[in-house]
Amino acid sequence: MNWDLTPLFSSISEAEEFLKQAEFKAIEFEKKYKNRLYTLTPEEFLNVLKEFEEIWENIGRALTYIYLVFATDSTKGNFLGKFQELATKAEEHLVWFELEFIYLPIDKQQRFIDNAGVYKYYLIHLQEEAPYRLSEKEEKILMKKDLTSSSAFSRLFDETLSRLRFFFEGKKYSEEEILSKLYSPDRNVRKKAQVSLTLGLKPHQELLAYIYNQVKKDWKIDHIEIRGYDSPEDPRHLSNRVSKKSVDALANSVNENTTIVADYYEIKKRLLGYDKLFDYDRYAPIKLTDKTPEISFEEAKELVLNAFKNFSNTFYEIAKKAFDEKWIDVYPKEGKRGGAFSHSATPKAHPYVLLNYTNQRRDVFTLAHELGHAIHQYLAREVGYLNQDTPLTTAETASIFAEMLLFEEIKSSLDKKELIETYAAKLEDVFATVFRQIVFTNFERKVHKFDELKPEDYNKIWMEENQKMFKDSVILTENYKIWWSYIPHFIHSPFYCYSYAYAQLLVFTLYKLYKEGFENFEEKYIEFLKQGGSIPPKKQLKELFGLDIENENFWEKGIAVIREMLSEFKGLCDDI
């Protein structure tokens, strides 16, 4: 199944013309309102703000379209570059607006904020970013520079990885396809896949290290040397609406509880009947039954829809629209980027979901995960383009919640042996979302201390941080040491990864409220999703659920849920 992009545009040429029109509207907007904001009444300012939002939405619509085209066909990189240049030209005529607002007298800003309605927090956040904003001329220079710096290296990374082919038993495979073989029940297949992935990546280590070095260097120049942030991760925390203190508390809590991971893998080693567990055994399915682990996409669709319907008709109806109206591009193919995502697009269209479905059980959870994102994004359309994107710390909330719904749906129909298999898979997903993402964060915190690192330097830090998680339960081989080099978040979104752990532990707390019968949970949860990024997470969670995410014990509640799951798994395995 391929997605239908016609709700955005019917062709690249149509999208290009639309983007040129957006540039024209941006020029007219600048001529009409620049240096005049201080003369406006609060009502007039609100109308100007809505016009500003509409132009940005038009730019976003065109960029969404070409990005989705490129995501499924990396040969279209030239069009992506052209659209980015056109968008930058349009954006140059909009830069002044936010800068002019933050330089208005505080009392004038406050009058505009008091009358801003759903845009209130958007304007407050501009005030929070004010110390790190530059002059209009400087902001325009940085926008132009980005075309040949971070975004250019991100594109090079994507194109390089999408072109790579990995040899396995006489055939060529994409990155996503070879990674899926690490989940094979056959140990020889996993070991060969591990070798294949390493051999495919190895010739490109110098290039991939160079790309990462340039991304880190550009991030440091932009955010620390030019904008004045104290550390390279501070801009991410600000955009996530969280404090570094809370992220440190999260990381410390996870790092101090890695025995959970080691304990699990000791049990897994016993269940698999191995004397030693190697890195290529991490995702080996616990196979206690003769039932096939493969699940077709149609079967996955029914499982996910049923899980959503049992929770909320709202979830079900939106997910059904996603299938019926072709929001989803399902299978791997030549030139398609790896991984999975849900793109929010614009409120005038709908989200789009990219998968690389290979009939594995984990792919079913990926489907639920990305549809959770899509549901969140679809509901948040009501607060408009400027507000629809949530901070990363809550952006993963609906996706992980959707996975929990699927987990409950699958559990109810399984016998004991199947339940052990499913618990094992779910625990490993949790480890990937919580502990592995904090390993990534630990890795980033270390490598961003250096502008330039050689591949062997990255390898060393990567191995050290991963071994801390596994302790003696898993032996990391020489082949594993270069696997930092295919992680896209390091390139596209520095310091993004802790957001997964943040959201996972938050979801466990919310899901526990749901299972305990928290009053009007569905209604409040849907409201939470509808609010998108229009209200700070701290305020959302306090007002709707009575949760205090600044409380130092908050993360331990989520960790306790993981311990409970491990305890349940141990109980199931005692007589196996």
Protein backbone atom coordinates (compact mmCIF):
# COMPACT_ATOMS: atom_id res chain seq x y z
CA MET A 1 0.00 0.00 0.00
CA ASN A 2 1.31 3.43 -1.01
CA TRP A 3 0.10 6.71 0.42
CA ASP A 4 -2.07 9.17 -1.51
CA LEU A 5 -0.47 12.62 -1.53
CA THR A 6 -3.22 14.34 -3.52
CA PRO A 7 -4.76 15.98 -0.40
CA LEU A 8 -1.52 17.99 -0.44
CA PHE A 9 -0.78 18.31 -4.17
CA SER A 10 -1.23 16.31 -7.35
CA SER A 11 2.30 16.95 -8.69
CA ILE A 12 5.68 18.44 -7.88
CA SER A 13 5.05 21.29 -10.30
CA GLU A 14 1.79 22.20 -8.57
CA ALA A 15 3.51 22.18 -5.17
CA GLU A 16 6.34 24.33 -6.52
CA GLU A 17 3.94 26.94 -7.89
CA PHE A 18 2.06 26.97 -4.57
CA LEU A 19 5.33 27.57 -2.71
CA LYS A 20 6.16 30.48 -5.03
CA GLN A 21 2.76 31.97 -4.23
CA ALA A 22 3.55 31.59 -0.52
CA GLU A 23 6.73 33.58 -1.07
CA PHE A 24 4.72 36.33 -2.78
CA LYS A 25 2.27 36.43 0.16
CA ALA A 26 5.20 36.61 2.59
CA ILE A 27 6.65 39.59 0.71
CA GLU A 28 3.27 41.38 0.79
CA PHE A 29 2.87 40.56 4.49
CA GLU A 30 6.25 42.12 5.25
CA LYS A 31 5.47 45.25 3.27
CA LYS A 32 2.14 45.67 4.99
CA TYR A 33 3.01 45.08 8.64
CA LYS A 34 6.74 45.34 9.28
CA ASN A 35 7.64 48.05 11.84
CA ARG A 36 3.92 48.55 12.54
CA LEU A 37 3.14 45.96 15.22
CA TYR A 38 3.43 48.56 17.98
CA THR A 39 0.60 50.56 16.34
CA LEU A 40 -1.87 47.66 16.37
CA THR A 41 -4.68 47.04 18.81
CA PRO A 42 -4.82 43.55 20.39
CA GLU A 43 -7.66 42.62 18.02
CA GLU A 44 -5.72 43.81 14.97
CA PHE A 45 -2.61 41.98 16.14
CA LEU A 46 -4.57 38.73 16.47
CA ASN A 47 -5.73 39.03 12.84
CA VAL A 48 -2.17 39.69 11.70
CA LEU A 49 -0.99 36.66 13.69
CA LYS A 50 -3.57 34.48 11.92
CA GLU A 51 -2.35 35.76 8.54
CA PHE A 52 1.24 35.01 9.59
CA GLU A 53 0.17 31.47 10.55
CA GLU A 54 -1.56 30.90 7.20
CA ILE A 55 1.57 31.78 5.23
CA TRP A 56 3.66 29.46 7.38
CA GLU A 57 1.09 26.71 6.88
CA ASN A 58 1.30 27.15 3.10
CA ILE A 59 5.08 26.87 3.21
CA GLY A 60 4.77 23.81 5.46
CA ARG A 61 2.28 22.18 3.13
CA ALA A 62 4.65 22.40 0.16
CA LEU A 63 7.66 21.22 2.18
CA THR A 64 5.63 18.32 3.61
CA TYR A 65 4.74 17.19 0.12
CA ILE A 66 8.28 17.21 -1.26
CA TYR A 67 9.68 15.59 1.90
CA LEU A 68 7.18 12.74 1.60
CA VAL A 69 8.06 12.33 -2.07
CA PHE A 70 11.76 12.21 -1.15
CA ALA A 71 11.14 9.81 1.76
CA THR A 72 9.90 7.17 -0.67
CA ASP A 73 12.25 8.03 -3.53
CA SER A 74 15.72 9.31 -2.60
CA THR A 75 16.44 10.15 -6.26
CA LYS A 76 14.23 13.22 -5.76
CA GLY A 77 16.84 14.90 -3.58
CA ASN A 78 17.33 17.66 -6.14
CA PHE A 79 13.66 18.66 -5.81
CA LEU A 80 13.94 18.61 -2.02
CA GLY A 81 16.92 20.96 -2.22
CA LYS A 82 15.08 23.28 -4.62
CA PHE A 83 12.00 23.45 -2.39
CA GLN A 84 14.13 24.16 0.68
CA GLU A 85 15.74 27.08 -1.15
CA LEU A 86 12.34 28.46 -2.19
CA ALA A 87 11.02 28.05 1.35
CA THR A 88 14.02 29.87 2.77
CA LYS A 89 13.36 32.80 0.45
CA ALA A 90 9.79 32.98 1.70
CA GLU A 91 10.79 32.61 5.34
CA GLU A 92 13.24 35.49 5.05
CA HIS A 93 10.22 37.79 4.75
CA LEU A 94 8.65 36.37 7.92
CA VAL A 95 11.66 36.40 10.25
CA TRP A 96 10.96 39.95 11.35
CA PHE A 97 7.56 39.16 12.89
CA GLU A 98 8.63 37.16 15.94
CA LEU A 99 11.66 39.40 16.47
CA GLU A 100 9.56 42.55 16.34
CA PHE A 101 7.14 41.03 18.85
CA ILE A 102 9.83 40.17 21.42
CA TYR A 103 11.31 43.69 21.16
CA LEU A 104 7.99 45.37 21.88
CA PRO A 105 7.56 46.92 25.35
CA ILE A 106 6.61 44.23 27.86
CA ASP A 107 3.25 45.82 28.65
CA LYS A 108 2.38 45.86 24.93
CA GLN A 109 3.42 42.19 24.59
CA GLN A 110 1.23 41.32 27.56
CA ARG A 111 -1.84 43.03 26.07
CA PHE A 112 -1.36 41.03 22.88
CA ILE A 113 -0.89 37.81 24.89
CA ASP A 114 -4.02 38.42 26.97
CA ASN A 115 -6.09 38.65 23.78
CA ALA A 116 -4.35 35.84 21.87
CA GLY A 117 -6.69 32.98 22.79
CA VAL A 118 -5.25 29.68 21.59
CA TYR A 119 -2.02 31.47 20.55
CA LYS A 120 -1.26 32.59 24.11
CA TYR A 121 1.39 29.98 24.87
CA TYR A 122 2.97 30.40 21.43
CA LEU A 123 3.64 34.06 22.29
CA ILE A 124 4.80 33.24 25.81
CA HIS A 125 7.27 30.75 24.36
CA LEU A 126 8.62 33.51 22.10
CA GLN A 127 9.33 35.48 25.25
CA GLU A 128 11.20 32.47 26.69
CA GLU A 129 13.32 32.21 23.54
CA ALA A 130 14.03 35.93 23.40
CA PRO A 131 17.50 35.79 25.05
CA TYR A 132 18.70 33.45 22.27
CA ARG A 133 17.21 35.25 19.28
CA LEU A 134 19.40 37.43 17.05
CA SER A 135 18.82 40.45 14.88
CA GLU A 136 16.75 40.03 11.73
CA LYS A 137 19.82 40.25 9.53
CA GLU A 138 21.66 37.62 11.57
CA GLU A 139 18.65 35.27 11.59
CA LYS A 140 18.43 35.52 7.81
CA ILE A 141 22.13 34.71 7.46
CA LEU A 142 21.69 31.60 9.62
CA MET A 143 18.69 30.52 7.56
CA LYS A 144 20.72 30.74 4.38
CA LYS A 145 23.71 29.02 5.98
CA ASP A 146 21.56 26.09 7.05
CA LEU A 147 21.05 25.10 3.40
CA THR A 148 24.74 24.24 3.14
CA SER A 149 25.36 23.07 6.72
CA SER A 150 23.17 20.89 8.95
CA SER A 151 20.30 20.32 6.52
CA ALA A 152 22.77 19.55 3.73
CA PHE A 153 24.61 16.99 5.86
CA SER A 154 21.30 15.49 6.99
CA ARG A 155 20.35 15.04 3.35
CA LEU A 156 23.75 13.50 2.59
CA PHE A 157 23.28 11.09 5.50
CA ASP A 158 19.79 10.06 4.29
CA GLU A 159 20.89 9.61 0.70
CA THR A 160 23.96 7.61 1.73
CA LEU A 161 22.00 5.24 4.00
CA SER A 162 19.13 4.81 1.54
CA ARG A 163 21.58 3.80 -1.23
CA LEU A 164 23.43 1.27 0.89
CA ARG A 165 22.84 -2.38 0.07
CA PHE A 166 23.78 -5.22 2.37
CA PHE A 167 24.75 -8.62 0.99
CA PHE A 168 23.11 -11.60 2.62
CA GLU A 169 23.18 -15.13 1.22
CA GLY A 170 23.72 -13.95 -2.33
CA LYS A 171 21.09 -11.19 -2.32
CA LYS A 172 21.09 -7.44 -1.71
CA TYR A 173 18.99 -5.95 1.08
CA SER A 174 18.15 -2.44 2.30
CA GLU A 175 19.12 -1.29 5.78
CA GLU A 176 15.60 -1.90 7.11
CA GLU A 177 15.45 -5.38 5.59
CA ILE A 178 18.83 -6.46 7.00
CA LEU A 179 17.95 -5.06 10.43
CA SER A 180 14.75 -7.12 10.42
CA LYS A 181 16.86 -10.28 10.14
CA LEU A 182 18.36 -9.56 13.56
CA TYR A 183 14.94 -10.66 14.87
CA SER A 184 15.16 -14.08 13.20
CA PRO A 185 14.67 -17.16 15.43
CA ASP A 186 17.70 -18.70 13.65
CA ARG A 187 20.94 -17.74 15.38
CA ASN A 188 23.00 -18.25 12.23
CA VAL A 189 20.73 -15.86 10.34
CA ARG A 190 21.12 -13.23 13.08
CA LYS A 191 24.89 -13.62 13.15
CA LYS A 192 25.14 -13.37 9.36
CA ALA A 193 22.86 -10.30 9.41
CA GLN A 194 25.07 -8.69 12.05
CA VAL A 195 28.13 -9.31 9.90
CA SER A 196 26.32 -8.09 6.78
CA LEU A 197 25.22 -4.85 8.44
CA THR A 198 28.74 -4.20 9.72
CA LEU A 199 30.41 -4.96 6.39
CA GLY A 200 27.92 -2.68 4.63
CA LEU A 201 28.52 0.21 7.01
CA LYS A 202 32.27 -0.18 7.43
CA PRO A 203 33.45 1.32 4.10
CA HIS A 204 31.47 4.47 4.91
CA GLN A 205 32.76 5.07 8.44
CA GLU A 206 34.99 7.97 7.52
CA LEU A 207 32.12 9.69 5.68
CA LEU A 208 29.56 9.02 8.43
CA ALA A 209 31.97 10.23 11.13
CA TYR A 210 32.67 13.34 9.05
CA ILE A 211 28.94 14.02 8.67
CA TYR A 212 28.43 13.67 12.42
CA ASN A 213 31.42 15.89 13.17
CA GLN A 214 30.05 18.62 10.92
CA VAL A 215 26.57 18.37 12.44
CA LYS A 216 28.01 18.66 15.97
CA LYS A 217 30.26 21.53 14.98
CA ASP A 218 27.43 23.42 13.29
CA TRP A 219 25.14 22.79 16.29
CA LYS A 220 27.79 24.22 18.63
CA ILE A 221 28.50 27.27 16.46
CA ASP A 222 24.82 28.05 16.00
CA HIS A 223 23.54 27.46 19.52
CA ILE A 224 26.47 28.14 21.86
CA GLU A 225 28.82 30.52 20.06
CA ILE A 226 26.18 32.55 18.23
CA ARG A 227 22.95 32.27 20.24
CA GLY A 228 24.53 32.01 23.67
CA TYR A 229 23.12 28.81 25.15
CA ASP A 230 25.18 27.42 28.02
CA SER A 231 25.35 23.84 26.71
CA PRO A 232 24.59 22.06 23.43
CA GLU A 233 21.53 20.32 24.88
CA ASP A 234 19.88 23.47 26.27
CA PRO A 235 18.09 24.44 23.02
CA ARG A 236 16.47 21.00 22.92
CA HIS A 237 15.25 21.34 26.51
CA LEU A 238 13.80 24.77 25.76
CA SER A 239 11.97 23.50 22.68
CA ASN A 240 10.75 20.53 24.75
CA ARG A 241 9.50 22.91 27.48
CA VAL A 242 11.46 21.05 30.16
CA SER A 243 14.37 21.89 32.43
CA LYS A 244 17.80 20.30 32.27
CA LYS A 245 17.29 19.38 35.92
CA SER A 246 14.31 17.20 35.06
CA VAL A 247 16.21 15.54 32.20
CA ASP A 248 19.16 14.87 34.51
CA ALA A 249 16.76 13.32 37.03
CA LEU A 250 15.31 11.14 34.28
CA ALA A 251 18.74 10.03 33.03
CA ASN A 252 20.00 9.35 36.54
CA SER A 253 16.93 7.29 37.41
CA VAL A 254 17.26 5.18 34.27
CA ASN A 255 21.04 4.78 34.59
CA GLU A 256 20.67 3.65 38.20
CA ASN A 257 18.16 0.96 37.25
CA THR A 258 19.95 -0.82 34.41
CA THR A 259 19.98 -3.99 36.52
CA ILE A 260 16.43 -4.44 35.18
CA VAL A 261 17.90 -4.91 31.71
CA ALA A 262 20.68 -7.21 32.87
CA ASP A 263 18.24 -9.34 34.92
CA TYR A 264 15.98 -9.76 31.92
CA TYR A 265 18.77 -10.86 29.59
CA GLU A 266 19.98 -13.43 32.13
CA ILE A 267 16.50 -14.97 31.97
CA LYS A 268 16.48 -14.75 28.19
CA LYS A 269 19.83 -16.52 27.99
CA ARG A 270 18.37 -19.39 30.00
CA LEU A 271 15.21 -19.58 27.90
CA LEU A 272 17.23 -19.65 24.68
CA GLY A 273 19.51 -22.35 26.11
CA TYR A 274 22.71 -20.39 25.48
CA ASP A 275 25.85 -20.28 27.60
CA LYS A 276 26.54 -16.76 26.37
CA LEU A 277 24.38 -14.05 24.86
CA PHE A 278 25.91 -11.86 22.14
CA ASP A 279 24.70 -8.56 20.72
CA TYR A 280 23.15 -10.33 17.73
CA ASP A 281 21.05 -12.39 20.18
CA ARG A 282 19.40 -9.37 21.81
CA TYR A 283 16.36 -9.45 19.57
CA ALA A 284 16.14 -13.21 19.18
CA PRO A 285 12.48 -14.09 19.70
CA ILE A 286 11.68 -16.28 22.69
CA LYS A 287 10.20 -19.22 20.81
CA LEU A 288 8.28 -21.67 23.01
CA THR A 289 5.53 -22.54 20.52
CA ASP A 290 5.41 -23.69 16.90
CA LYS A 291 3.24 -20.79 15.78
CA THR A 292 4.68 -18.59 13.05
CA PRO A 293 5.80 -15.16 14.22
CA GLU A 294 4.94 -13.56 10.87
CA ILE A 295 1.91 -11.27 10.83
CA SER A 296 0.57 -9.89 7.55
CA PHE A 297 -0.26 -6.23 7.28
CA GLU A 298 -3.99 -7.00 7.05
CA GLU A 299 -3.77 -8.99 10.28
CA ALA A 300 -1.82 -6.18 11.92
CA LYS A 301 -4.48 -3.69 10.78
CA GLU A 302 -7.26 -5.68 12.48
CA LEU A 303 -5.29 -6.13 15.70
CA VAL A 304 -4.57 -2.42 15.96
CA LEU A 305 -8.11 -1.32 15.10
CA ASN A 306 -9.58 -3.68 17.68
CA ALA A 307 -7.16 -2.46 20.35
CA PHE A 308 -8.05 1.16 19.63
CA LYS A 309 -11.80 0.48 19.55
CA ASN A 310 -11.69 -1.16 22.98
CA PHE A 311 -10.25 2.07 24.39
CA SER A 312 -11.89 4.85 22.43
CA ASN A 313 -14.15 5.18 19.43
CA THR A 314 -12.26 8.38 18.61
CA PHE A 315 -9.00 6.43 18.30
CA TYR A 316 -10.71 3.78 16.17
CA GLU A 317 -12.38 6.19 13.75
CA ILE A 318 -9.22 8.19 13.08
CA ALA A 319 -7.12 5.04 12.58
CA LYS A 320 -9.75 3.65 10.22
CA LYS A 321 -9.59 6.86 8.18
CA ALA A 322 -5.82 6.40 7.96
CA PHE A 323 -6.28 3.00 6.34
CA ASP A 324 -9.27 3.89 4.18
CA GLU A 325 -7.87 7.18 2.88
CA LYS A 326 -4.32 5.90 2.25
CA TRP A 327 -2.38 7.90 4.81
CA ILE A 328 0.15 5.07 5.03
CA ASP A 329 3.10 3.95 2.86
CA VAL A 330 3.63 0.38 4.06
CA TYR A 331 6.42 -1.70 2.52
CA PRO A 332 10.19 -1.29 1.94
CA LYS A 333 11.26 -0.50 -1.61
CA GLU A 334 14.23 0.73 -3.60
CA GLY A 335 15.19 4.30 -2.65
CA LYS A 336 12.81 4.52 0.30
CA ARG A 337 14.25 5.76 3.59
CA GLY A 338 14.44 3.32 6.49
CA GLY A 339 12.60 3.43 9.80
CA ALA A 340 9.13 4.77 10.39
CA PHE A 341 7.49 8.11 11.11
CA SER A 342 4.22 10.00 11.20
CA HIS A 343 4.36 13.45 9.63
CA SER A 344 1.78 15.92 10.95
CA ALA A 345 1.52 17.74 7.58
CA THR A 346 -0.89 20.69 8.01
CA PRO A 347 -4.35 21.14 9.57
CA LYS A 348 -5.84 21.48 6.07
CA ALA A 349 -4.66 17.98 5.11
CA HIS A 350 -3.97 15.08 7.47
CA PRO A 351 -0.95 13.20 8.89
CA TYR A 352 1.06 10.74 6.80
CA VAL A 353 2.61 7.54 8.13
CA LEU A 354 5.72 5.88 6.69
CA LEU A 355 6.44 2.24 7.55
CA ASN A 356 8.86 -0.40 6.34
CA TYR A 357 6.63 -3.34 7.18
CA THR A 358 8.34 -6.78 7.08
CA ASN A 359 5.65 -8.99 8.72
CA GLN A 360 7.38 -9.14 12.09
CA ARG A 361 5.58 -8.79 15.42
CA ARG A 362 7.60 -5.67 16.16
CA ASP A 363 6.22 -4.16 12.93
CA VAL A 364 2.70 -4.48 14.36
CA PHE A 365 3.78 -2.43 17.38
CA THR A 366 5.44 0.07 15.03
CA LEU A 367 2.12 0.40 13.19
CA ALA A 368 0.31 1.06 16.48
CA HIS A 369 3.05 3.50 17.52
CA GLU A 370 2.93 5.59 14.35
CA LEU A 371 -0.87 5.56 14.23
CA GLY A 372 -0.80 6.85 17.81
CA HIS A 373 1.26 9.77 16.53
CA ALA A 374 -1.16 10.26 13.64
CA ILE A 375 -4.17 10.32 15.99
CA HIS A 376 -2.42 12.89 18.20
CA GLN A 377 -1.50 15.01 15.19
CA TYR A 378 -4.98 14.77 13.68
CA LEU A 379 -6.67 15.81 16.93
CA ALA A 380 -4.24 18.71 17.41
CA ARG A 381 -5.26 20.25 14.08
CA GLU A 382 -7.95 22.13 16.01
CA VAL A 383 -5.39 24.44 17.65
CA GLY A 384 -3.90 25.52 14.31
CA TYR A 385 -0.59 25.21 12.51
CA LEU A 386 1.53 27.20 14.97
CA ASN A 387 0.28 25.13 17.91
CA GLN A 388 -0.20 21.65 16.44
CA ASP A 389 3.34 20.42 17.03
CA THR A 390 3.86 19.23 20.60
CA PRO A 391 7.15 19.27 22.51
CA LEU A 392 9.10 16.06 21.93
CA THR A 393 8.59 15.12 25.56
CA THR A 394 4.85 14.72 25.02
CA ALA A 395 4.92 14.03 21.26
CA GLU A 396 5.58 10.35 22.01
CA THR A 397 2.76 10.06 24.56
CA ALA A 398 -0.03 8.90 22.22
CA SER A 399 2.27 6.61 20.25
CA ILE A 400 3.50 4.70 23.30
CA PHE A 401 0.01 4.65 24.79
CA ALA A 402 -1.18 3.04 21.55
CA GLU A 403 1.48 0.36 21.93
CA MET A 404 0.21 -0.40 25.45
CA LEU A 405 -3.34 -0.76 24.09
CA LEU A 406 -2.07 -3.23 21.50
CA PHE A 407 -0.11 -5.13 24.16
CA GLU A 408 -3.29 -5.56 26.23
CA GLU A 409 -5.24 -6.61 23.12
CA ILE A 410 -2.71 -9.31 22.26
CA LYS A 411 -2.27 -10.57 25.84
CA SER A 412 -5.91 -11.53 26.34
CA SER A 413 -5.89 -14.18 23.60
CA LEU A 414 -2.62 -15.95 24.47
CA ASP A 415 -1.78 -19.10 26.39
CA LYS A 416 1.09 -19.15 28.90
CA LYS A 417 3.87 -19.90 26.42
CA GLU A 418 2.63 -17.32 23.95
CA LEU A 419 2.31 -14.86 26.83
CA ILE A 420 5.97 -15.39 27.75
CA GLU A 421 6.93 -14.71 24.13
CA THR A 422 4.83 -11.54 24.04
CA TYR A 423 6.03 -10.27 27.43
CA ALA A 424 9.61 -10.76 26.28
CA ALA A 425 8.99 -8.78 23.11
CA LYS A 426 7.23 -6.00 25.02
CA LEU A 427 9.94 -5.73 27.66
CA GLU A 428 12.54 -5.46 24.91
CA ASP A 429 10.49 -2.69 23.30
CA VAL A 430 10.40 -0.88 26.65
CA PHE A 431 14.16 -1.31 27.04
CA ALA A 432 14.63 0.13 23.54
CA THR A 433 12.42 3.10 24.39
CA VAL A 434 13.74 3.83 27.88
CA PHE A 435 17.18 2.38 28.57
CA ARG A 436 18.57 2.37 25.03
CA GLN A 437 17.44 5.94 24.40
CA ILE A 438 19.19 7.08 27.57
CA VAL A 439 22.28 5.22 26.35
CA PHE A 440 21.97 7.31 23.18
CA THR A 441 21.66 10.44 25.33
CA ASN A 442 24.71 9.49 27.39
CA PHE A 443 26.59 8.90 24.12
CA GLU A 444 25.53 12.28 22.71
CA ARG A 445 26.46 14.11 25.90
CA LYS A 446 29.97 12.71 25.62
CA VAL A 447 30.61 13.12 21.89
CA HIS A 448 29.27 16.69 21.78
CA LYS A 449 32.13 17.72 24.04
CA PHE A 450 34.36 17.37 20.96
CA ASP A 451 34.17 19.11 17.59
CA GLU A 452 36.13 16.39 15.82
CA LEU A 453 36.28 12.68 16.59
CA LYS A 454 37.70 9.84 14.58
CA PRO A 455 35.58 6.78 13.87
CA GLU A 456 37.52 4.79 16.47
CA ASP A 457 36.73 7.49 19.07
CA TYR A 458 33.02 7.18 18.38
CA ASN A 459 33.37 3.39 18.52
CA LYS A 460 35.01 3.46 21.93
CA ILE A 461 32.42 5.75 23.53
CA TRP A 462 29.58 3.79 21.92
CA MET A 463 30.81 0.49 23.33
CA GLU A 464 31.40 1.92 26.81
CA GLU A 465 27.91 3.40 27.11
CA ASN A 466 26.15 0.32 25.76
CA GLN A 467 28.06 -2.06 28.02
CA LYS A 468 26.93 -0.08 31.07
CA MET A 469 23.36 -1.00 30.21
CA PHE A 470 23.93 -4.70 29.55
CA LYS A 471 26.60 -5.23 32.22
CA ASP A 472 27.75 -8.88 31.96
CA SER A 473 24.47 -10.18 30.54
CA VAL A 474 25.34 -9.51 26.87
CA ILE A 475 28.72 -9.71 25.14
CA LEU A 476 29.20 -6.87 22.66
CA THR A 477 31.33 -8.00 19.71
CA GLU A 478 33.75 -6.02 17.57
CA ASN A 479 31.11 -5.78 14.85
CA TYR A 480 28.77 -3.88 17.14
CA LYS A 481 31.16 -0.99 17.72
CA ILE A 482 30.29 0.91 14.52
CA TRP A 483 26.52 0.73 14.88
CA TRP A 484 26.30 4.30 16.18
CA SER A 485 26.79 5.37 12.59
CA TYR A 486 23.34 4.49 11.24
CA ILE A 487 21.27 6.17 14.00
CA PRO A 488 19.44 9.03 12.21
CA HIS A 489 18.43 10.98 15.35
CA PHE A 490 22.07 11.85 16.05
CA ILE A 491 22.16 13.66 12.71
CA HIS A 492 18.63 15.04 12.31
CA SER A 493 17.72 15.92 15.91
CA PRO A 494 20.59 16.20 18.42
CA PHE A 495 19.52 15.36 22.00
CA TYR A 496 16.14 14.13 20.78
CA CYS A 497 16.43 10.62 22.16
CA TYR A 498 15.73 11.21 25.85
CA SER A 499 12.25 12.32 24.79
CA TYR A 500 11.31 8.69 24.13
CA ALA A 501 12.25 7.69 27.68
CA TYR A 502 10.52 10.78 29.04
CA ALA A 503 7.32 9.89 27.22
CA GLN A 504 7.49 6.16 27.98
CA LEU A 505 7.68 6.65 31.73
CA LEU A 506 5.00 9.33 31.54
CA VAL A 507 2.76 6.94 29.59
CA PHE A 508 3.22 4.19 32.14
CA THR A 509 1.92 6.59 34.77
CA LEU A 510 -1.04 7.64 32.59
CA TYR A 511 -1.81 4.07 31.59
CA LYS A 512 -1.85 3.04 35.23
CA LEU A 513 -4.40 5.81 35.88
CA TYR A 514 -6.51 4.44 33.01
CA LYS A 515 -6.38 0.85 34.29
CA GLU A 516 -7.20 2.00 37.82
CA GLY A 517 -10.36 3.72 36.56
CA PHE A 518 -9.30 7.37 36.82
CA GLU A 519 -12.47 9.45 36.50
CA ASN A 520 -13.31 10.51 32.91
CA PHE A 521 -9.89 9.30 31.75
CA GLU A 522 -10.76 8.92 28.04
CA GLU A 523 -12.37 12.36 27.89
CA LYS A 524 -9.40 14.00 29.62
CA TYR A 525 -6.85 12.09 27.55
CA ILE A 526 -8.51 13.11 24.27
CA GLU A 527 -8.52 16.70 25.51
CA PHE A 528 -4.82 16.38 26.35
CA LEU A 529 -4.10 15.26 22.77
CA LYS A 530 -6.30 17.97 21.23
CA GLN A 531 -4.32 20.66 23.04
CA GLY A 532 -1.22 19.83 20.98
CA GLY A 533 1.49 22.32 21.83
CA SER A 534 -0.89 25.11 22.84
CA ILE A 535 -0.39 24.56 26.59
CA PRO A 536 2.82 23.74 28.51
CA PRO A 537 3.11 20.02 29.38
CA LYS A 538 3.55 20.76 33.06
CA LYS A 539 0.26 22.67 33.11
CA GLN A 540 -1.56 20.09 30.97
CA LEU A 541 -0.67 17.17 33.19
CA LYS A 542 -1.30 19.03 36.42
CA GLU A 543 -4.73 20.33 35.42
CA LEU A 544 -6.02 17.19 33.69
CA PHE A 545 -4.44 14.40 35.74
CA GLY A 546 -3.02 15.98 38.87
CA LEU A 547 0.55 14.95 37.95
CA ASP A 548 3.62 16.95 38.92
CA ILE A 549 6.38 16.19 36.41
CA GLU A 550 8.83 18.33 38.36
CA ASN A 551 8.59 16.03 41.37
CA GLU A 552 11.90 14.21 41.79
CA ASN A 553 10.09 10.92 42.51
CA PHE A 554 8.01 11.09 39.35
CA TRP A 555 10.37 8.96 37.22
CA GLU A 556 10.59 6.24 39.83
CA LYS A 557 6.86 5.62 39.38
CA GLY A 558 7.42 4.77 35.73
CA ILE A 559 10.45 2.62 36.54
CA ALA A 560 8.31 0.77 39.10
CA VAL A 561 5.88 -0.23 36.32
CA ILE A 562 8.76 -1.74 34.34
CA ARG A 563 9.84 -3.66 37.44
CA GLU A 564 6.28 -4.98 37.78
CA MET A 565 6.33 -6.17 34.16
CA LEU A 566 9.66 -7.90 34.72
CA SER A 567 8.32 -9.53 37.88
CA GLU A 568 5.26 -10.81 35.98
CA PHE A 569 7.57 -12.14 33.26
CA LYS A 570 9.76 -13.90 35.84
CA GLY A 571 6.69 -15.49 37.39
CA LEU A 572 5.61 -16.87 34.03
CA CYS A 573 9.12 -18.27 33.40
CA ASP A 574 9.71 -19.91 36.80
CA ASP A 575 8.72 -23.41 35.70
CA ILE A 576 9.91 -23.16 32.10
